[in-house]
Amino acid sequence: MRSTRQCSGCNLQGANLERIDLSGVDLSNANLMNADLDEANLTNANLSGANLVNADLEKANLSNANLSGANLNNADLNEANLTGANLQNATFLNADLEDAILTNANVTGADFQGADLEGAVGLNR
């Protein structure tokens, strides 16, 4: 995956990907439910349509990542960097975005119902 940068539709449910470098990797429509992506580098990654329900993305770098249409319900994005990320039509129901950085992120149509946004910066809805 890291050498080919391709993992579209991959099943990585529950995978331990803590601190891994997945920058620029195509993870579109991948199943990352319950995956541990704590402190992972996902800069410029394509996560469009990905299932990230209950995923641990604490302190992950998702700057300029494409998360359009992704499902991040109940995900932990505490202190995650989402600068410039495409979050269009993504769902963050009951997600933890405490102290997350959302500067210049595209949140058009994104659903943050029940999400914890305490201390989050840059959210211009």
PDB file of N, CA and C in Angstrom:
ATOM      1  N   MET A   1       0.824  -1.189   0.000  1.00  0.00           N
ATOM      2  CA  MET A   1       0.000   0.000   0.000  1.00  0.00           C
ATOM      3  C   MET A   1       0.870   1.254   0.000  1.00  0.00           C
ATOM      4  N   ARG A   2       1.891   1.292   0.843  1.00  0.00           N
ATOM      5  CA  ARG A   2       2.713   2.488   0.896  1.00  0.00           C
ATOM      6  C   ARG A   2       3.549   2.661  -0.361  1.00  0.00           C
ATOM      7  N   SER A   3       3.940   1.576  -0.996  1.00  0.00           N
ATOM      8  CA  SER A   3       4.763   1.700  -2.198  1.00  0.00           C
ATOM      9  C   SER A   3       3.930   2.053  -3.424  1.00  0.00           C
ATOM     10  N   THR A   4       2.726   1.480  -3.544  1.00  0.00           N
ATOM     11  CA  THR A   4       1.881   1.754  -4.711  1.00  0.00           C
ATOM     12  C   THR A   4       0.999   2.981  -4.508  1.00  0.00           C
ATOM     13  N   ARG A   5       0.804   3.414  -3.254  1.00  0.00           N
ATOM     14  CA  ARG A   5      -0.052   4.540  -2.895  1.00  0.00           C
ATOM     15  C   ARG A   5      -1.514   4.273  -3.237  1.00  0.00           C
ATOM     16  N   GLN A   6      -1.888   3.019  -3.477  1.00  0.00           N
ATOM     17  CA  GLN A   6      -3.250   2.650  -3.856  1.00  0.00           C
ATOM     18  C   GLN A   6      -3.840   1.654  -2.857  1.00  0.00           C
ATOM     19  N   CYS A   7      -5.013   1.990  -2.357  1.00  0.00           N
ATOM     20  CA  CYS A   7      -5.728   1.058  -1.492  1.00  0.00           C
ATOM     21  C   CYS A   7      -7.218   1.379  -1.545  1.00  0.00           C
ATOM     22  N   SER A   8      -7.672   1.756  -2.716  1.00  0.00           N
ATOM     23  CA  SER A   8      -9.074   2.097  -2.908  1.00  0.00           C
ATOM     24  C   SER A   8      -9.947   0.874  -2.622  1.00  0.00           C
ATOM     25  N   GLY A   9     -10.936   1.049  -1.745  1.00  0.00           N
ATOM     26  CA  GLY A   9     -11.843  -0.041  -1.402  1.00  0.00           C
ATOM     27  C   GLY A   9     -11.257  -1.089  -0.475  1.00  0.00           C
ATOM     28  N   CYS A  10     -10.069  -0.867   0.039  1.00  0.00           N
ATOM     29  CA  CYS A  10      -9.424  -1.837   0.943  1.00  0.00           C
ATOM     30  C   CYS A  10     -10.234  -2.034   2.225  1.00  0.00           C
ATOM     31  N   ASN A  11     -10.153  -3.229   2.787  1.00  0.00           N
ATOM     32  CA  ASN A  11     -10.766  -3.505   4.079  1.00  0.00           C
ATOM     33  C   ASN A  11      -9.675  -3.467   5.140  1.00  0.00           C
ATOM     34  N   LEU A  12      -9.629  -2.362   5.874  1.00  0.00           N
ATOM     35  CA  LEU A  12      -8.644  -2.177   6.939  1.00  0.00           C
ATOM     36  C   LEU A  12      -9.350  -2.019   8.283  1.00  0.00           C
ATOM     37  N   GLN A  13     -10.510  -2.648   8.408  1.00  0.00           N
ATOM     38  CA  GLN A  13     -11.295  -2.554   9.631  1.00  0.00           C
ATOM     39  C   GLN A  13     -10.480  -3.026  10.825  1.00  0.00           C
ATOM     40  N   GLY A  14     -10.390  -2.164  11.844  1.00  0.00           N
ATOM     41  CA  GLY A  14      -9.693  -2.498  13.077  1.00  0.00           C
ATOM     42  C   GLY A  14      -8.180  -2.534  12.966  1.00  0.00           C
ATOM     43  N   ALA A  15      -7.626  -2.107  11.844  1.00  0.00           N
ATOM     44  CA  ALA A  15      -6.172  -2.167  11.639  1.00  0.00           C
ATOM     45  C   ALA A  15      -5.436  -1.190  12.546  1.00  0.00           C
ATOM     46  N   ASN A  16      -4.234  -1.588  12.988  1.00  0.00           N
ATOM     47  CA  ASN A  16      -3.376  -0.697  13.760  1.00  0.00           C
ATOM     48  C   ASN A  16      -2.443   0.013  12.787  1.00  0.00           C
ATOM     49  N   LEU A  17      -2.764   1.270  12.499  1.00  0.00           N
ATOM     50  CA  LEU A  17      -1.984   2.080  11.569  1.00  0.00           C
ATOM     51  C   LEU A  17      -1.436   3.315  12.284  1.00  0.00           C
ATOM     52  N   GLU A  18      -1.208   3.151  13.571  1.00  0.00           N
ATOM     53  CA  GLU A  18      -0.732   4.246  14.404  1.00  0.00           C
ATOM     54  C   GLU A  18       0.616   4.762  13.904  1.00  0.00           C
ATOM     55  N   ARG A  19       0.708   6.089  13.769  1.00  0.00           N
ATOM     56  CA  ARG A  19       1.934   6.797  13.368  1.00  0.00           C
ATOM     57  C   ARG A  19       2.452   6.420  11.974  1.00  0.00           C
ATOM     58  N   ILE A  20       1.650   5.797  11.140  1.00  0.00           N
ATOM     59  CA  ILE A  20       2.075   5.381   9.807  1.00  0.00           C
ATOM     60  C   ILE A  20       2.012   6.567   8.834  1.00  0.00           C
ATOM     61  N   ASP A  21       2.870   6.557   7.834  1.00  0.00           N
ATOM     62  CA  ASP A  21       2.861   7.593   6.802  1.00  0.00           C
ATOM     63  C   ASP A  21       2.032   7.109   5.619  1.00  0.00           C
ATOM     64  N   LEU A  22       0.835   7.660   5.495  1.00  0.00           N
ATOM     65  CA  LEU A  22      -0.058   7.337   4.382  1.00  0.00           C
ATOM     66  C   LEU A  22      -0.317   8.589   3.544  1.00  0.00           C
ATOM     67  N   SER A  23       0.636   9.494   3.539  1.00  0.00           N
ATOM     68  CA  SER A  23       0.458  10.736   2.787  1.00  0.00           C
ATOM     69  C   SER A  23       0.299  10.434   1.306  1.00  0.00           C
ATOM     70  N   GLY A  24      -0.724  11.034   0.706  1.00  0.00           N
ATOM     71  CA  GLY A  24      -0.978  10.874  -0.716  1.00  0.00           C
ATOM     72  C   GLY A  24      -1.560   9.540  -1.136  1.00  0.00           C
ATOM     73  N   VAL A  25      -1.860   8.657  -0.197  1.00  0.00           N
ATOM     74  CA  VAL A  25      -2.387   7.327  -0.530  1.00  0.00           C
ATOM     75  C   VAL A  25      -3.873   7.424  -0.900  1.00  0.00           C
ATOM     76  N   ASP A  26      -4.282   6.649  -1.905  1.00  0.00           N
ATOM     77  CA  ASP A  26      -5.686   6.577  -2.307  1.00  0.00           C
ATOM     78  C   ASP A  26      -6.395   5.533  -1.453  1.00  0.00           C
ATOM     79  N   LEU A  27      -7.175   6.009  -0.487  1.00  0.00           N
ATOM     80  CA  LEU A  27      -7.961   5.154   0.401  1.00  0.00           C
ATOM     81  C   LEU A  27      -9.451   5.394   0.167  1.00  0.00           C
ATOM     82  N   SER A  28      -9.798   5.829  -1.033  1.00  0.00           N
ATOM     83  CA  SER A  28     -11.199   6.113  -1.332  1.00  0.00           C
ATOM     84  C   SER A  28     -12.040   4.851  -1.153  1.00  0.00           C
ATOM     85  N   ASN A  29     -13.186   5.026  -0.528  1.00  0.00           N
ATOM     86  CA  ASN A  29     -14.139   3.936  -0.262  1.00  0.00           C
ATOM     87  C   ASN A  29     -13.559   2.797   0.576  1.00  0.00           C
ATOM     88  N   ALA A  30     -12.465   3.044   1.266  1.00  0.00           N
ATOM     89  CA  ALA A  30     -11.862   2.019   2.126  1.00  0.00           C
ATOM     90  C   ALA A  30     -12.674   1.859   3.410  1.00  0.00           C
ATOM     91  N   ASN A  31     -12.641   0.664   3.989  1.00  0.00           N
ATOM     92  CA  ASN A  31     -13.282   0.405   5.268  1.00  0.00           C
ATOM     93  C   ASN A  31     -12.222   0.509   6.355  1.00  0.00           C
ATOM     94  N   LEU A  32     -12.257   1.621   7.099  1.00  0.00           N
ATOM     95  CA  LEU A  32     -11.316   1.869   8.186  1.00  0.00           C
ATOM     96  C   LEU A  32     -12.055   1.941   9.525  1.00  0.00           C
ATOM     97  N   MET A  33     -13.201   1.279   9.590  1.00  0.00           N
ATOM     98  CA  MET A  33     -13.994   1.267  10.814  1.00  0.00           C
ATOM     99  C   MET A  33     -13.162   0.703  11.965  1.00  0.00           C
ATOM    100  N   ASN A  34     -13.161   1.415  13.091  1.00  0.00           N
ATOM    101  CA  ASN A  34     -12.420   1.010  14.297  1.00  0.00           C
ATOM    102  C   ASN A  34     -10.907   0.962  14.103  1.00  0.00           C
ATOM    103  N   ALA A  35     -10.394   1.541  13.029  1.00  0.00           N
ATOM    104  CA  ALA A  35      -8.945   1.538  12.793  1.00  0.00           C
ATOM    105  C   ALA A  35      -8.253   2.528  13.726  1.00  0.00           C
ATOM    106  N   ASP A  36      -7.019   2.210  14.109  1.00  0.00           N
ATOM    107  CA  ASP A  36      -6.204   3.100  14.934  1.00  0.00           C
ATOM    108  C   ASP A  36      -5.244   3.850  14.019  1.00  0.00           C
ATOM    109  N   LEU A  37      -5.555   5.129  13.784  1.00  0.00           N
ATOM    110  CA  LEU A  37      -4.738   5.995  12.937  1.00  0.00           C
ATOM    111  C   LEU A  37      -4.175   7.144  13.772  1.00  0.00           C
ATOM    112  N   ASP A  38      -3.981   6.867  15.048  1.00  0.00           N
ATOM    113  CA  ASP A  38      -3.447   7.839  15.988  1.00  0.00           C
ATOM    114  C   ASP A  38      -2.122   8.396  15.459  1.00  0.00           C
ATOM    115  N   GLU A  39      -2.024   9.721  15.336  1.00  0.00           N
ATOM    116  CA  GLU A  39      -0.807  10.406  14.886  1.00  0.00           C
ATOM    117  C   GLU A  39      -0.342   9.991  13.491  1.00  0.00           C
ATOM    118  N   ALA A  40      -1.236   9.428  12.681  1.00  0.00           N
ATOM    119  CA  ALA A  40      -0.880   9.032  11.312  1.00  0.00           C
ATOM    120  C   ALA A  40      -0.746  10.267  10.424  1.00  0.00           C
ATOM    121  N   ASN A  41       0.106  10.160   9.404  1.00  0.00           N
ATOM    122  CA  ASN A  41       0.259  11.224   8.420  1.00  0.00           C
ATOM    123  C   ASN A  41      -0.590  10.876   7.205  1.00  0.00           C
ATOM    124  N   LEU A  42      -1.705  11.581   7.054  1.00  0.00           N
ATOM    125  CA  LEU A  42      -2.627  11.365   5.943  1.00  0.00           C
ATOM    126  C   LEU A  42      -2.712  12.622   5.071  1.00  0.00           C
ATOM    127  N   THR A  43      -1.646  13.399   5.059  1.00  0.00           N
ATOM    128  CA  THR A  43      -1.596  14.603   4.241  1.00  0.00           C
ATOM    129  C   THR A  43      -1.852  14.256   2.784  1.00  0.00           C
ATOM    130  N   ASN A  44      -2.757  14.993   2.145  1.00  0.00           N
ATOM    131  CA  ASN A  44      -3.097  14.801   0.727  1.00  0.00           C
ATOM    132  C   ASN A  44      -3.664  13.418   0.404  1.00  0.00           C
ATOM    133  N   ALA A  45      -4.066  12.655   1.404  1.00  0.00           N
ATOM    134  CA  ALA A  45      -4.649  11.328   1.153  1.00  0.00           C
ATOM    135  C   ALA A  45      -6.065  11.473   0.602  1.00  0.00           C
ATOM    136  N   ASN A  46      -6.482  10.507  -0.202  1.00  0.00           N
ATOM    137  CA  ASN A  46      -7.844  10.477  -0.726  1.00  0.00           C
ATOM    138  C   ASN A  46      -8.653   9.487   0.103  1.00  0.00           C
ATOM    139  N   LEU A  47      -9.501  10.021   0.964  1.00  0.00           N
ATOM    140  CA  LEU A  47     -10.366   9.216   1.827  1.00  0.00           C
ATOM    141  C   LEU A  47     -11.827   9.439   1.467  1.00  0.00           C
ATOM    142  N   SER A  48     -12.084   9.858   0.242  1.00  0.00           N
ATOM    143  CA  SER A  48     -13.464  10.126  -0.165  1.00  0.00           C
ATOM    144  C   SER A  48     -14.294   8.848  -0.079  1.00  0.00           C
ATOM    145  N   GLY A  49     -15.462   8.964   0.542  1.00  0.00           N
ATOM    146  CA  GLY A  49     -16.361   7.825   0.685  1.00  0.00           C
ATOM    147  C   GLY A  49     -15.893   6.759   1.650  1.00  0.00           C
ATOM    148  N   ALA A  50     -14.819   7.013   2.376  1.00  0.00           N
ATOM    149  CA  ALA A  50     -14.278   6.012   3.306  1.00  0.00           C
ATOM    150  C   ALA A  50     -15.162   5.863   4.545  1.00  0.00           C
ATOM    151  N   ASN A  51     -15.166   4.658   5.119  1.00  0.00           N
ATOM    152  CA  ASN A  51     -15.874   4.370   6.363  1.00  0.00           C
ATOM    153  C   ASN A  51     -14.866   4.472   7.501  1.00  0.00           C
ATOM    154  N   LEU A  52     -14.974   5.565   8.271  1.00  0.00           N
ATOM    155  CA  LEU A  52     -14.075   5.804   9.399  1.00  0.00           C
ATOM    156  C   LEU A  52     -14.857   5.839  10.715  1.00  0.00           C
ATOM    157  N   VAL A  53     -15.963   5.108  10.772  1.00  0.00           N
ATOM    158  CA  VAL A  53     -16.785   5.053  11.981  1.00  0.00           C
ATOM    159  C   VAL A  53     -15.945   4.493  13.130  1.00  0.00           C
ATOM    160  N   ASN A  54     -15.969   5.190  14.253  1.00  0.00           N
ATOM    161  CA  ASN A  54     -15.228   4.793  15.466  1.00  0.00           C
ATOM    162  C   ASN A  54     -13.714   4.741  15.271  1.00  0.00           C
ATOM    163  N   ALA A  55     -13.200   5.341  14.220  1.00  0.00           N
ATOM    164  CA  ALA A  55     -11.749   5.337  13.993  1.00  0.00           C
ATOM    165  C   ALA A  55     -11.063   6.291  14.966  1.00  0.00           C
ATOM    166  N   ASP A  56      -9.837   5.955  15.344  1.00  0.00           N
ATOM    167  CA  ASP A  56      -9.033   6.805  16.216  1.00  0.00           C
ATOM    168  C   ASP A  56      -8.065   7.592  15.345  1.00  0.00           C
ATOM    169  N   LEU A  57      -8.347   8.884  15.187  1.00  0.00           N
ATOM    170  CA  LEU A  57      -7.520   9.775  14.375  1.00  0.00           C
ATOM    171  C   LEU A  57      -6.942  10.891  15.241  1.00  0.00           C
ATOM    172  N   GLU A  58      -6.772  10.598  16.527  1.00  0.00           N
ATOM    173  CA  GLU A  58      -6.259  11.607  17.439  1.00  0.00           C
ATOM    174  C   GLU A  58      -4.873  12.071  16.993  1.00  0.00           C
ATOM    175  N   LYS A  59      -4.711  13.388  16.882  1.00  0.00           N
ATOM    176  CA  LYS A  59      -3.454  14.030  16.478  1.00  0.00           C
ATOM    177  C   LYS A  59      -2.997  13.629  15.076  1.00  0.00           C
ATOM    178  N   ALA A  60      -3.903  13.092  14.262  1.00  0.00           N
ATOM    179  CA  ALA A  60      -3.551  12.725  12.884  1.00  0.00           C
ATOM    180  C   ALA A  60      -3.420  13.985  12.036  1.00  0.00           C
ATOM    181  N   ASN A  61      -2.549  13.923  11.041  1.00  0.00           N
ATOM    182  CA  ASN A  61      -2.386  15.024  10.099  1.00  0.00           C
ATOM    183  C   ASN A  61      -3.178  14.701   8.840  1.00  0.00           C
ATOM    184  N   LEU A  62      -4.307  15.375   8.682  1.00  0.00           N
ATOM    185  CA  LEU A  62      -5.188  15.189   7.529  1.00  0.00           C
ATOM    186  C   LEU A  62      -5.216  16.459   6.676  1.00  0.00           C
ATOM    187  N   SER A  63      -4.148  17.239   6.726  1.00  0.00           N
ATOM    188  CA  SER A  63      -4.138  18.484   5.969  1.00  0.00           C
ATOM    189  C   SER A  63      -4.230  18.199   4.475  1.00  0.00           C
ATOM    190  N   ASN A  64      -5.105  18.954   3.824  1.00  0.00           N
ATOM    191  CA  ASN A  64      -5.368  18.834   2.383  1.00  0.00           C
ATOM    192  C   ASN A  64      -5.862  17.452   1.958  1.00  0.00           C
ATOM    193  N   ALA A  65      -6.348  16.664   2.899  1.00  0.00           N
ATOM    194  CA  ALA A  65      -6.901  15.344   2.563  1.00  0.00           C
ATOM    195  C   ALA A  65      -8.300  15.509   1.975  1.00  0.00           C
ATOM    196  N   ASN A  66      -8.698  14.559   1.146  1.00  0.00           N
ATOM    197  CA  ASN A  66     -10.041  14.554   0.575  1.00  0.00           C
ATOM    198  C   ASN A  66     -10.895  13.559   1.358  1.00  0.00           C
ATOM    199  N   LEU A  67     -11.802  14.088   2.170  1.00  0.00           N
ATOM    200  CA  LEU A  67     -12.705  13.271   2.981  1.00  0.00           C
ATOM    201  C   LEU A  67     -14.152  13.474   2.531  1.00  0.00           C
ATOM    202  N   SER A  68     -14.343  13.885   1.296  1.00  0.00           N
ATOM    203  CA  SER A  68     -15.700  14.150   0.817  1.00  0.00           C
ATOM    204  C   SER A  68     -16.543  12.877   0.885  1.00  0.00           C
ATOM    205  N   GLY A  69     -17.719  13.015   1.486  1.00  0.00           N
ATOM    206  CA  GLY A  69     -18.634  11.883   1.603  1.00  0.00           C
ATOM    207  C   GLY A  69     -18.198  10.800   2.565  1.00  0.00           C
ATOM    208  N   ALA A  70     -17.137  11.030   3.315  1.00  0.00           N
ATOM    209  CA  ALA A  70     -16.653  10.023   4.269  1.00  0.00           C
ATOM    210  C   ALA A  70     -17.559   9.976   5.505  1.00  0.00           C
ATOM    211  N   ASN A  71     -17.613   8.817   6.150  1.00  0.00           N
ATOM    212  CA  ASN A  71     -18.391   8.625   7.367  1.00  0.00           C
ATOM    213  C   ASN A  71     -17.430   8.565   8.543  1.00  0.00           C
ATOM    214  N   LEU A  72     -17.438   9.640   9.347  1.00  0.00           N
ATOM    215  CA  LEU A  72     -16.574   9.730  10.525  1.00  0.00           C
ATOM    216  C   LEU A  72     -17.406   9.769  11.802  1.00  0.00           C
ATOM    217  N   ASN A  73     -18.562   9.133  11.786  1.00  0.00           N
ATOM    218  CA  ASN A  73     -19.416   9.107  12.965  1.00  0.00           C
ATOM    219  C   ASN A  73     -18.691   8.433  14.128  1.00  0.00           C
ATOM    220  N   ASN A  74     -18.756   9.081  15.285  1.00  0.00           N
ATOM    221  CA  ASN A  74     -18.127   8.583  16.521  1.00  0.00           C
ATOM    222  C   ASN A  74     -16.607   8.466  16.432  1.00  0.00           C
ATOM    223  N   ALA A  75     -15.997   9.094  15.444  1.00  0.00           N
ATOM    224  CA  ALA A  75     -14.535   9.047  15.308  1.00  0.00           C
ATOM    225  C   ALA A  75     -13.880   9.999  16.308  1.00  0.00           C
ATOM    226  N   ASP A  76     -12.654   9.674  16.709  1.00  0.00           N
ATOM    227  CA  ASP A  76     -11.873  10.523  17.605  1.00  0.00           C
ATOM    228  C   ASP A  76     -10.881  11.321  16.763  1.00  0.00           C
ATOM    229  N   LEU A  77     -11.164  12.619  16.603  1.00  0.00           N
ATOM    230  CA  LEU A  77     -10.302  13.520  15.843  1.00  0.00           C
ATOM    231  C   LEU A  77      -9.745  14.601  16.762  1.00  0.00           C
ATOM    232  N   ASN A  78      -9.584  14.252  18.029  1.00  0.00           N
ATOM    233  CA  ASN A  78      -9.059  15.184  19.015  1.00  0.00           C
ATOM    234  C   ASN A  78      -7.676  15.658  18.573  1.00  0.00           C
ATOM    235  N   GLU A  79      -7.505  16.980  18.456  1.00  0.00           N
ATOM    236  CA  GLU A  79      -6.242  17.607  18.054  1.00  0.00           C
ATOM    237  C   GLU A  79      -5.788  17.227  16.645  1.00  0.00           C
ATOM    238  N   ALA A  80      -6.699  16.749  15.804  1.00  0.00           N
ATOM    239  CA  ALA A  80      -6.345  16.411  14.425  1.00  0.00           C
ATOM    240  C   ALA A  80      -6.164  17.689  13.607  1.00  0.00           C
ATOM    241  N   ASN A  81      -5.272  17.632  12.624  1.00  0.00           N
ATOM    242  CA  ASN A  81      -5.036  18.755  11.724  1.00  0.00           C
ATOM    243  C   ASN A  81      -5.781  18.501  10.418  1.00  0.00           C
ATOM    244  N   LEU A  82      -6.851  19.268  10.202  1.00  0.00           N
ATOM    245  CA  LEU A  82      -7.675  19.141   9.001  1.00  0.00           C
ATOM    246  C   LEU A  82      -7.562  20.401   8.138  1.00  0.00           C
ATOM    247  N   THR A  83      -6.445  21.092   8.241  1.00  0.00           N
ATOM    248  CA  THR A  83      -6.234  22.320   7.478  1.00  0.00           C
ATOM    249  C   THR A  83      -6.371  22.060   5.985  1.00  0.00           C
ATOM    250  N   GLY A  84      -7.257  22.811   5.339  1.00  0.00           N
ATOM    251  CA  GLY A  84      -7.435  22.701   3.899  1.00  0.00           C
ATOM    252  C   GLY A  84      -8.078  21.416   3.419  1.00  0.00           C
ATOM    253  N   ALA A  85      -8.588  20.606   4.332  1.00  0.00           N
ATOM    254  CA  ALA A  85      -9.193  19.322   3.952  1.00  0.00           C
ATOM    255  C   ALA A  85     -10.546  19.532   3.276  1.00  0.00           C
ATOM    256  N   ASN A  86     -10.896  18.630   2.378  1.00  0.00           N
ATOM    257  CA  ASN A  86     -12.210  18.643   1.741  1.00  0.00           C
ATOM    258  C   ASN A  86     -13.132  17.736   2.550  1.00  0.00           C
ATOM    259  N   LEU A  87     -14.036  18.347   3.309  1.00  0.00           N
ATOM    260  CA  LEU A  87     -14.966  17.617   4.174  1.00  0.00           C
ATOM    261  C   LEU A  87     -16.391  17.692   3.628  1.00  0.00           C
ATOM    262  N   GLN A  88     -16.511  18.024   2.358  1.00  0.00           N
ATOM    263  CA  GLN A  88     -17.822  18.206   1.747  1.00  0.00           C
ATOM    264  C   GLN A  88     -18.672  16.943   1.876  1.00  0.00           C
ATOM    265  N   ASN A  89     -19.874  17.128   2.446  1.00  0.00           N
ATOM    266  CA  ASN A  89     -20.854  16.048   2.636  1.00  0.00           C
ATOM    267  C   ASN A  89     -20.368  14.899   3.522  1.00  0.00           C
ATOM    268  N   ALA A  90     -19.325  15.114   4.293  1.00  0.00           N
ATOM    269  CA  ALA A  90     -18.869  14.100   5.254  1.00  0.00           C
ATOM    270  C   ALA A  90     -19.757  14.163   6.499  1.00  0.00           C
ATOM    271  N   THR A  91     -19.865  13.049   7.219  1.00  0.00           N
ATOM    272  CA  THR A  91     -20.653  13.033   8.450  1.00  0.00           C
ATOM    273  C   THR A  91     -19.744  12.809   9.651  1.00  0.00           C
ATOM    274  N   PHE A  92     -19.985  13.637  10.680  1.00  0.00           N
ATOM    275  CA  PHE A  92     -19.199  13.608  11.909  1.00  0.00           C
ATOM    276  C   PHE A  92     -20.125  13.474  13.115  1.00  0.00           C
ATOM    277  N   LEU A  93     -21.193  12.687  12.996  1.00  0.00           N
ATOM    278  CA  LEU A  93     -22.163  12.573  14.076  1.00  0.00           C
ATOM    279  C   LEU A  93     -21.491  12.046  15.343  1.00  0.00           C
ATOM    280  N   ASN A  94     -21.624  12.808  16.427  1.00  0.00           N
ATOM    281  CA  ASN A  94     -21.060  12.445  17.735  1.00  0.00           C
ATOM    282  C   ASN A  94     -19.548  12.237  17.713  1.00  0.00           C
ATOM    283  N   ALA A  95     -18.866  12.807  16.737  1.00  0.00           N
ATOM    284  CA  ALA A  95     -17.406  12.689  16.663  1.00  0.00           C
ATOM    285  C   ALA A  95     -16.748  13.652  17.648  1.00  0.00           C
ATOM    286  N   ASP A  96     -15.526  13.338  18.055  1.00  0.00           N
ATOM    287  CA  ASP A  96     -14.755  14.196  18.950  1.00  0.00           C
ATOM    288  C   ASP A  96     -13.754  14.990  18.117  1.00  0.00           C
ATOM    289  N   LEU A  97     -14.042  16.287  17.935  1.00  0.00           N
ATOM    290  CA  LEU A  97     -13.151  17.180  17.195  1.00  0.00           C
ATOM    291  C   LEU A  97     -12.579  18.244  18.125  1.00  0.00           C
ATOM    292  N   GLU A  98     -12.473  17.895  19.400  1.00  0.00           N
ATOM    293  CA  GLU A  98     -11.963  18.838  20.384  1.00  0.00           C
ATOM    294  C   GLU A  98     -10.541  19.257  20.013  1.00  0.00           C
ATOM    295  N   ASP A  99     -10.320  20.577  19.968  1.00  0.00           N
ATOM    296  CA  ASP A  99      -9.015  21.168  19.646  1.00  0.00           C
ATOM    297  C   ASP A  99      -8.517  20.827  18.242  1.00  0.00           C
ATOM    298  N   ALA A 100      -9.412  20.408  17.355  1.00  0.00           N
ATOM    299  CA  ALA A 100      -9.026  20.121  15.967  1.00  0.00           C
ATOM    300  C   ALA A 100      -8.796  21.430  15.213  1.00  0.00           C
ATOM    301  N   ILE A 101      -7.960  21.370  14.188  1.00  0.00           N
ATOM    302  CA  ILE A 101      -7.672  22.533  13.349  1.00  0.00           C
ATOM    303  C   ILE A 101      -8.387  22.340  12.016  1.00  0.00           C
ATOM    304  N   LEU A 102      -9.332  23.234  11.730  1.00  0.00           N
ATOM    305  CA  LEU A 102     -10.156  23.127  10.527  1.00  0.00           C
ATOM    306  C   LEU A 102      -9.981  24.343   9.612  1.00  0.00           C
ATOM    307  N   THR A 103      -8.876  25.043   9.738  1.00  0.00           N
ATOM    308  CA  THR A 103      -8.629  26.242   8.952  1.00  0.00           C
ATOM    309  C   THR A 103      -8.672  25.935   7.458  1.00  0.00           C
ATOM    310  N   ASN A 104      -9.458  26.724   6.730  1.00  0.00           N
ATOM    311  CA  ASN A 104      -9.607  26.592   5.271  1.00  0.00           C
ATOM    312  C   ASN A 104     -10.178  25.249   4.819  1.00  0.00           C
ATOM    313  N   ALA A 105     -10.791  24.508   5.719  1.00  0.00           N
ATOM    314  CA  ALA A 105     -11.427  23.240   5.327  1.00  0.00           C
ATOM    315  C   ALA A 105     -12.757  23.532   4.636  1.00  0.00           C
ATOM    316  N   ASN A 106     -13.093  22.735   3.639  1.00  0.00           N
ATOM    317  CA  ASN A 106     -14.379  22.855   2.948  1.00  0.00           C
ATOM    318  C   ASN A 106     -15.387  21.991   3.694  1.00  0.00           C
ATOM    319  N   VAL A 107     -16.307  22.639   4.400  1.00  0.00           N
ATOM    320  CA  VAL A 107     -17.289  21.909   5.210  1.00  0.00           C
ATOM    321  C   VAL A 107     -18.696  21.980   4.603  1.00  0.00           C
ATOM    322  N   THR A 108     -18.793  22.320   3.327  1.00  0.00           N
ATOM    323  CA  THR A 108     -20.088  22.412   2.657  1.00  0.00           C
ATOM    324  C   THR A 108     -20.843  21.087   2.762  1.00  0.00           C
ATOM    325  N   GLY A 109     -22.019  21.126   3.354  1.00  0.00           N
ATOM    326  CA  GLY A 109     -22.851  19.934   3.474  1.00  0.00           C
ATOM    327  C   GLY A 109     -22.397  18.944   4.526  1.00  0.00           C
ATOM    328  N   ALA A 110     -21.323  19.242   5.250  1.00  0.00           N
ATOM    329  CA  ALA A 110     -20.846  18.330   6.303  1.00  0.00           C
ATOM    330  C   ALA A 110     -21.813  18.363   7.489  1.00  0.00           C
ATOM    331  N   ASP A 111     -21.995  17.235   8.147  1.00  0.00           N
ATOM    332  CA  ASP A 111     -22.923  17.113   9.272  1.00  0.00           C
ATOM    333  C   ASP A 111     -22.141  16.885  10.562  1.00  0.00           C
ATOM    334  N   PHE A 112     -22.184  17.901  11.441  1.00  0.00           N
ATOM    335  CA  PHE A 112     -21.470  17.841  12.716  1.00  0.00           C
ATOM    336  C   PHE A 112     -22.439  17.659  13.890  1.00  0.00           C
ATOM    337  N   GLN A 113     -23.618  17.112  13.647  1.00  0.00           N
ATOM    338  CA  GLN A 113     -24.626  16.960  14.698  1.00  0.00           C
ATOM    339  C   GLN A 113     -24.080  16.128  15.856  1.00  0.00           C
ATOM    340  N   GLY A 114     -24.136  16.701  17.052  1.00  0.00           N
ATOM    341  CA  GLY A 114     -23.693  16.005  18.254  1.00  0.00           C
ATOM    342  C   GLY A 114     -22.188  15.927  18.415  1.00  0.00           C
ATOM    343  N   ALA A 115     -21.432  16.523  17.491  1.00  0.00           N
ATOM    344  CA  ALA A 115     -19.965  16.469  17.564  1.00  0.00           C
ATOM    345  C   ALA A 115     -19.444  17.424  18.632  1.00  0.00           C
ATOM    346  N   ASP A 116     -18.342  17.048  19.273  1.00  0.00           N
ATOM    347  CA  ASP A 116     -17.680  17.902  20.256  1.00  0.00           C
ATOM    348  C   ASP A 116     -16.666  18.760  19.509  1.00  0.00           C
ATOM    349  N   LEU A 117     -16.961  20.060  19.398  1.00  0.00           N
ATOM    350  CA  LEU A 117     -16.097  20.996  18.680  1.00  0.00           C
ATOM    351  C   LEU A 117     -15.419  21.979  19.632  1.00  0.00           C
ATOM    352  N   GLU A 118     -15.397  21.636  20.921  1.00  0.00           N
ATOM    353  CA  GLU A 118     -14.797  22.524  21.910  1.00  0.00           C
ATOM    354  C   GLU A 118     -13.320  22.761  21.586  1.00  0.00           C
ATOM    355  N   GLY A 119     -12.956  24.020  21.463  1.00  0.00           N
ATOM    356  CA  GLY A 119     -11.566  24.380  21.198  1.00  0.00           C
ATOM    357  C   GLY A 119     -11.146  24.221  19.750  1.00  0.00           C
ATOM    358  N   ALA A 120     -12.044  23.733  18.895  1.00  0.00           N
ATOM    359  CA  ALA A 120     -11.715  23.588  17.470  1.00  0.00           C
ATOM    360  C   ALA A 120     -11.552  24.976  16.862  1.00  0.00           C
ATOM    361  N   VAL A 121     -10.585  25.122  15.966  1.00  0.00           N
ATOM    362  CA  VAL A 121     -10.331  26.421  15.344  1.00  0.00           C
ATOM    363  C   VAL A 121     -10.512  26.344  13.835  1.00  0.00           C
ATOM    364  N   GLY A 122     -10.957  27.482  13.270  1.00  0.00           N
ATOM    365  CA  GLY A 122     -11.048  27.611  11.823  1.00  0.00           C
ATOM    366  C   GLY A 122     -12.321  27.102  11.202  1.00  0.00           C
ATOM    367  N   LEU A 123     -13.314  26.735  11.991  1.00  0.00           N
ATOM    368  CA  LEU A 123     -14.558  26.206  11.426  1.00  0.00           C
ATOM    369  C   LEU A 123     -15.443  27.370  11.012  1.00  0.00           C
ATOM    370  N   ASN A 124     -15.528  27.602   9.712  1.00  0.00           N
ATOM    371  CA  ASN A 124     -16.372  28.660   9.157  1.00  0.00           C
ATOM    372  C   ASN A 124     -17.503  28.006   8.401  1.00  0.00           C
ATOM    373  N   ARG A 125     -18.648  27.876   9.047  1.00  0.00           N
ATOM    374  CA  ARG A 125     -19.769  27.161   8.429  1.00  0.00           C
ATOM    375  C   ARG A 125     -20.677  28.103   7.728  1.00  0.00           C
TER     376      ARG A 125
END
